[in-house]
């Protein structure tokens, strides 16, 4: 009986967090970014596969094949990792995870590259308030509600847009 009560209490405590996470990440907007991540991964895979096949068909590995192949391979792995991470983070138990401080410099860099942060500030000088301001602008432009906290999924979604706009 005690276990049942404990489980019921724990589930009750989780419900507000899950509701909040679902409100922060509306399914329609989230699906659009997941599709963008998939499209980016798919196009990068195509470029990688073409170079792989082209380089393999030559009688010997030519030096001019190495660099473009390595770049295409890296771009594909980066896009695939991003897509896989978003797929995992769409699970309700991961949506409510706050971004660790180690993820904030990359988020700041991505927001800066996308034009949502002041270019004159260095990433290391940026405050949490300035980062939230840029993130909230990005969230509004991408049909997500504003937030007062930075979630890990936020950083992945911003990364998705940066990867999609970045030339491999």
C-alpha atoms as a PDB file:
ATOM      1  CA  UNK A   1       0.000   0.000   0.000  1.00  0.00           C
ATOM      2  CA  UNK A   2       2.859   2.392   0.846  1.00  0.00           C
ATOM      3  CA  UNK A   3       4.453   1.784  -2.576  1.00  0.00           C
ATOM      4  CA  UNK A   4       1.178   2.560  -4.319  1.00  0.00           C
ATOM      5  CA  UNK A   5       0.846   5.838  -2.422  1.00  0.00           C
ATOM      6  CA  UNK A   6       4.475   6.755  -3.152  1.00  0.00           C
ATOM      7  CA  UNK A   7       4.057   6.048  -6.879  1.00  0.00           C
ATOM      8  CA  UNK A   8       0.806   8.014  -6.959  1.00  0.00           C
ATOM      9  CA  UNK A   9       2.455  10.987  -5.235  1.00  0.00           C
ATOM     10  CA  UNK A  10       5.473  10.880  -7.570  1.00  0.00           C
ATOM     11  CA  UNK A  11       3.270  10.703 -10.665  1.00  0.00           C
ATOM     12  CA  UNK A  12       1.262  13.617  -9.311  1.00  0.00           C
ATOM     13  CA  UNK A  13       4.445  15.642  -8.900  1.00  0.00           C
ATOM     14  CA  UNK A  14       5.564  14.863 -12.452  1.00  0.00           C
ATOM     15  CA  UNK A  15       2.298  15.919 -14.110  1.00  0.00           C
ATOM     16  CA  UNK A  16       2.873  19.701 -13.807  1.00  0.00           C
ATOM     17  CA  UNK A  17       6.390  19.354 -15.232  1.00  0.00           C
ATOM     18  CA  UNK A  18       5.097  17.319 -18.176  1.00  0.00           C
ATOM     19  CA  UNK A  19       2.248  19.760 -18.789  1.00  0.00           C
ATOM     20  CA  UNK A  20       4.685  22.667 -18.681  1.00  0.00           C
ATOM     21  CA  UNK A  21       7.060  20.896 -21.071  1.00  0.00           C
ATOM     22  CA  UNK A  22       4.218  20.195 -23.492  1.00  0.00           C
ATOM     23  CA  UNK A  23       3.160  23.843 -23.308  1.00  0.00           C
ATOM     24  CA  UNK A  24       6.738  25.004 -23.928  1.00  0.00           C
ATOM     25  CA  UNK A  25       7.128  22.715 -26.923  1.00  0.00           C
ATOM     26  CA  UNK A  26       3.862  22.679 -28.921  1.00  0.00           C
ATOM     27  CA  UNK A  27       3.698  19.544 -31.053  1.00  0.00           C
ATOM     28  CA  UNK A  28       3.163  21.345 -34.369  1.00  0.00           C
ATOM     29  CA  UNK A  29       6.187  23.640 -33.972  1.00  0.00           C
ATOM     30  CA  UNK A  30       8.287  20.781 -32.604  1.00  0.00           C
ATOM     31  CA  UNK A  31       7.339  18.567 -35.556  1.00  0.00           C
ATOM     32  CA  UNK A  32       8.473  21.270 -37.984  1.00  0.00           C
ATOM     33  CA  UNK A  33      11.923  21.415 -36.373  1.00  0.00           C
ATOM     34  CA  UNK A  34      12.152  17.614 -36.242  1.00  0.00           C
ATOM     35  CA  UNK A  35      11.351  17.513 -39.963  1.00  0.00           C
ATOM     36  CA  UNK A  36      13.990  20.171 -40.616  1.00  0.00           C
ATOM     37  CA  UNK A  37      16.546  18.108 -38.667  1.00  0.00           C
ATOM     38  CA  UNK A  38      15.626  15.038 -40.732  1.00  0.00           C
ATOM     39  CA  UNK A  39      15.842  16.940 -44.031  1.00  0.00           C
ATOM     40  CA  UNK A  40      19.255  18.317 -43.078  1.00  0.00           C
ATOM     41  CA  UNK A  41      20.491  14.858 -42.106  1.00  0.00           C
ATOM     42  CA  UNK A  42      19.120  13.373 -45.330  1.00  0.00           C
ATOM     43  CA  UNK A  43      20.709  15.974 -47.609  1.00  0.00           C
ATOM     44  CA  UNK A  44      24.033  15.691 -45.791  1.00  0.00           C
ATOM     45  CA  UNK A  45      23.895  11.903 -46.117  1.00  0.00           C
ATOM     46  CA  UNK A  46      23.297  12.216 -49.864  1.00  0.00           C
ATOM     47  CA  UNK A  47      26.352  14.467 -50.263  1.00  0.00           C
ATOM     48  CA  UNK A  48      28.442  12.113 -48.115  1.00  0.00           C
ATOM     49  CA  UNK A  49      27.292   8.999 -50.019  1.00  0.00           C
ATOM     50  CA  UNK A  50      28.012  10.585 -53.399  1.00  0.00           C
ATOM     51  CA  UNK A  51      31.549  11.468 -52.343  1.00  0.00           C
ATOM     52  CA  UNK A  52      32.027   8.065 -50.751  1.00  0.00           C
ATOM     53  CA  UNK A  53      30.967   6.286 -53.946  1.00  0.00           C
ATOM     54  CA  UNK A  54      32.942   8.650 -56.167  1.00  0.00           C
ATOM     55  CA  UNK A  55      36.117   8.262 -54.147  1.00  0.00           C
ATOM     56  CA  UNK A  56      35.752   4.477 -53.903  1.00  0.00           C
ATOM     57  CA  UNK A  57      35.284   4.087 -57.655  1.00  0.00           C
ATOM     58  CA  UNK A  58      38.644   5.627 -58.421  1.00  0.00           C
ATOM     59  CA  UNK A  59      41.551   3.267 -58.807  1.00  0.00           C
ATOM     60  CA  UNK A  60      43.472   4.889 -55.986  1.00  0.00           C
ATOM     61  CA  UNK A  61      42.649   7.265 -53.185  1.00  0.00           C
ATOM     62  CA  UNK A  62      43.433  10.688 -54.595  1.00  0.00           C
ATOM     63  CA  UNK A  63      44.403  13.479 -52.188  1.00  0.00           C
ATOM     64  CA  UNK A  64      41.755  15.786 -53.686  1.00  0.00           C
ATOM     65  CA  UNK A  65      39.120  13.272 -52.588  1.00  0.00           C
ATOM     66  CA  UNK A  66      40.175  13.182 -48.935  1.00  0.00           C
ATOM     67  CA  UNK A  67      39.319  16.700 -47.773  1.00  0.00           C
ATOM     68  CA  UNK A  68      35.833  17.011 -49.329  1.00  0.00           C
ATOM     69  CA  UNK A  69      35.023  13.470 -48.184  1.00  0.00           C
ATOM     70  CA  UNK A  70      36.075  14.219 -44.590  1.00  0.00           C
ATOM     71  CA  UNK A  71      34.036  17.447 -44.568  1.00  0.00           C
ATOM     72  CA  UNK A  72      30.953  15.677 -45.933  1.00  0.00           C
ATOM     73  CA  UNK A  73      31.348  12.840 -43.451  1.00  0.00           C
ATOM     74  CA  UNK A  74      31.685  15.260 -40.523  1.00  0.00           C
ATOM     75  CA  UNK A  75      28.673  17.290 -41.697  1.00  0.00           C
ATOM     76  CA  UNK A  76      26.562  14.136 -41.975  1.00  0.00           C
ATOM     77  CA  UNK A  77      27.591  12.821 -38.547  1.00  0.00           C
ATOM     78  CA  UNK A  78      26.830  16.224 -37.011  1.00  0.00           C
ATOM     79  CA  UNK A  79      23.364  16.383 -38.615  1.00  0.00           C
ATOM     80  CA  UNK A  80      22.570  12.761 -37.707  1.00  0.00           C
ATOM     81  CA  UNK A  81      23.603  13.329 -34.093  1.00  0.00           C
ATOM     82  CA  UNK A  82      21.383  16.402 -33.936  1.00  0.00           C
ATOM     83  CA  UNK A  83      18.397  14.517 -35.382  1.00  0.00           C
ATOM     84  CA  UNK A  84      18.904  11.531 -33.073  1.00  0.00           C
ATOM     85  CA  UNK A  85      19.143  13.829 -30.053  1.00  0.00           C
ATOM     86  CA  UNK A  86      15.935  15.671 -30.947  1.00  0.00           C
ATOM     87  CA  UNK A  87      14.140  12.363 -31.477  1.00  0.00           C
ATOM     88  CA  UNK A  88      15.230  11.252 -28.015  1.00  0.00           C
ATOM     89  CA  UNK A  89      14.407  14.578 -26.380  1.00  0.00           C
ATOM     90  CA  UNK A  90      10.848  14.538 -27.730  1.00  0.00           C
ATOM     91  CA  UNK A  91      10.129  11.859 -25.129  1.00  0.00           C
ATOM     92  CA  UNK A  92       8.117  13.467 -22.302  1.00  0.00           C
ATOM     93  CA  UNK A  93      10.664  12.563 -19.639  1.00  0.00           C
ATOM     94  CA  UNK A  94      13.399  14.521 -21.453  1.00  0.00           C
ATOM     95  CA  UNK A  95      11.467  17.626 -22.534  1.00  0.00           C
ATOM     96  CA  UNK A  96      11.659  19.212 -19.090  1.00  0.00           C
ATOM     97  CA  UNK A  97      15.451  18.921 -18.752  1.00  0.00           C
ATOM     98  CA  UNK A  98      17.119  22.274 -18.213  1.00  0.00           C
ATOM     99  CA  UNK A  99      20.183  23.038 -20.300  1.00  0.00           C
ATOM    100  CA  UNK A 100      23.408  22.572 -18.356  1.00  0.00           C
ATOM    101  CA  UNK A 101      25.739  25.556 -18.205  1.00  0.00           C
ATOM    102  CA  UNK A 102      28.131  23.675 -20.520  1.00  0.00           C
ATOM    103  CA  UNK A 103      25.515  23.877 -23.318  1.00  0.00           C
ATOM    104  CA  UNK A 104      25.038  27.642 -23.065  1.00  0.00           C
ATOM    105  CA  UNK A 105      28.138  28.798 -25.015  1.00  0.00           C
ATOM    106  CA  UNK A 106      27.080  26.712 -28.033  1.00  0.00           C
ATOM    107  CA  UNK A 107      23.521  28.038 -27.763  1.00  0.00           C
ATOM    108  CA  UNK A 108      24.890  31.585 -27.620  1.00  0.00           C
ATOM    109  CA  UNK A 109      27.098  30.924 -30.634  1.00  0.00           C
ATOM    110  CA  UNK A 110      24.177  29.459 -32.607  1.00  0.00           C
ATOM    111  CA  UNK A 111      21.865  32.355 -31.717  1.00  0.00           C
ATOM    112  CA  UNK A 112      24.633  34.781 -32.667  1.00  0.00           C
ATOM    113  CA  UNK A 113      25.154  33.090 -36.052  1.00  0.00           C
ATOM    114  CA  UNK A 114      21.397  33.197 -36.665  1.00  0.00           C
ATOM    115  CA  UNK A 115      21.296  36.931 -35.866  1.00  0.00           C
ATOM    116  CA  UNK A 116      19.461  36.813 -32.536  1.00  0.00           C
ATOM    117  CA  UNK A 117      22.267  38.154 -30.351  1.00  0.00           C
ATOM    118  CA  UNK A 118      24.396  41.279 -30.400  1.00  0.00           C
ATOM    119  CA  UNK A 119      27.487  40.535 -32.514  1.00  0.00           C
ATOM    120  CA  UNK A 120      29.553  42.974 -30.483  1.00  0.00           C
ATOM    121  CA  UNK A 121      29.380  40.912 -27.292  1.00  0.00           C
ATOM    122  CA  UNK A 122      31.717  37.987 -26.978  1.00  0.00           C
ATOM    123  CA  UNK A 123      30.091  34.691 -26.081  1.00  0.00           C
ATOM    124  CA  UNK A 124      32.032  34.549 -22.814  1.00  0.00           C
ATOM    125  CA  UNK A 125      30.759  38.017 -21.780  1.00  0.00           C
ATOM    126  CA  UNK A 126      27.114  37.163 -22.396  1.00  0.00           C
ATOM    127  CA  UNK A 127      24.789  37.093 -19.400  1.00  0.00           C
ATOM    128  CA  UNK A 128      21.924  34.645 -18.909  1.00  0.00           C
ATOM    129  CA  UNK A 129      19.491  37.560 -19.359  1.00  0.00           C
ATOM    130  CA  UNK A 130      20.979  38.475 -22.758  1.00  0.00           C
ATOM    131  CA  UNK A 131      20.934  34.833 -23.791  1.00  0.00           C
ATOM    132  CA  UNK A 132      17.281  34.479 -22.744  1.00  0.00           C
ATOM    133  CA  UNK A 133      16.399  37.634 -24.690  1.00  0.00           C
ATOM    134  CA  UNK A 134      17.900  36.186 -27.885  1.00  0.00           C
ATOM    135  CA  UNK A 135      16.359  32.774 -27.256  1.00  0.00           C
ATOM    136  CA  UNK A 136      12.911  34.275 -26.689  1.00  0.00           C
ATOM    137  CA  UNK A 137      13.154  36.178 -29.977  1.00  0.00           C
ATOM    138  CA  UNK A 138      14.062  32.928 -31.726  1.00  0.00           C
ATOM    139  CA  UNK A 139      11.232  31.080 -29.943  1.00  0.00           C
ATOM    140  CA  UNK A 140       8.666  33.674 -31.045  1.00  0.00           C
ATOM    141  CA  UNK A 141       9.884  33.573 -34.653  1.00  0.00           C
ATOM    142  CA  UNK A 142       9.564  29.785 -34.623  1.00  0.00           C
ATOM    143  CA  UNK A 143       6.105  29.595 -32.999  1.00  0.00           C
ATOM    144  CA  UNK A 144       7.234  28.488 -29.549  1.00  0.00           C
ATOM    145  CA  UNK A 145       6.153  30.327 -26.392  1.00  0.00           C
ATOM    146  CA  UNK A 146       8.573  32.555 -24.501  1.00  0.00           C
ATOM    147  CA  UNK A 147      10.396  31.088 -21.537  1.00  0.00           C
ATOM    148  CA  UNK A 148      12.208  32.212 -18.426  1.00  0.00           C
ATOM    149  CA  UNK A 149      14.416  29.118 -18.369  1.00  0.00           C
ATOM    150  CA  UNK A 150      16.639  27.520 -20.983  1.00  0.00           C
ATOM    151  CA  UNK A 151      15.785  23.903 -21.649  1.00  0.00           C
ATOM    152  CA  UNK A 152      18.118  21.430 -23.297  1.00  0.00           C
ATOM    153  CA  UNK A 153      15.613  20.912 -26.105  1.00  0.00           C
ATOM    154  CA  UNK A 154      15.744  24.665 -26.812  1.00  0.00           C
ATOM    155  CA  UNK A 155      19.464  24.438 -27.520  1.00  0.00           C
ATOM    156  CA  UNK A 156      18.964  21.426 -29.818  1.00  0.00           C
ATOM    157  CA  UNK A 157      16.199  23.144 -31.766  1.00  0.00           C
ATOM    158  CA  UNK A 158      18.311  26.264 -32.281  1.00  0.00           C
ATOM    159  CA  UNK A 159      21.190  24.006 -33.360  1.00  0.00           C
ATOM    160  CA  UNK A 160      18.860  22.396 -35.887  1.00  0.00           C
ATOM    161  CA  UNK A 161      18.207  25.720 -37.570  1.00  0.00           C
ATOM    162  CA  UNK A 162      21.897  26.640 -37.558  1.00  0.00           C
ATOM    163  CA  UNK A 163      22.842  23.295 -39.131  1.00  0.00           C
ATOM    164  CA  UNK A 164      20.134  23.673 -41.785  1.00  0.00           C
ATOM    165  CA  UNK A 165      21.400  27.127 -42.763  1.00  0.00           C
ATOM    166  CA  UNK A 166      25.078  26.230 -42.569  1.00  0.00           C
ATOM    167  CA  UNK A 167      26.874  25.250 -45.746  1.00  0.00           C
ATOM    168  CA  UNK A 168      28.584  21.907 -45.134  1.00  0.00           C
END
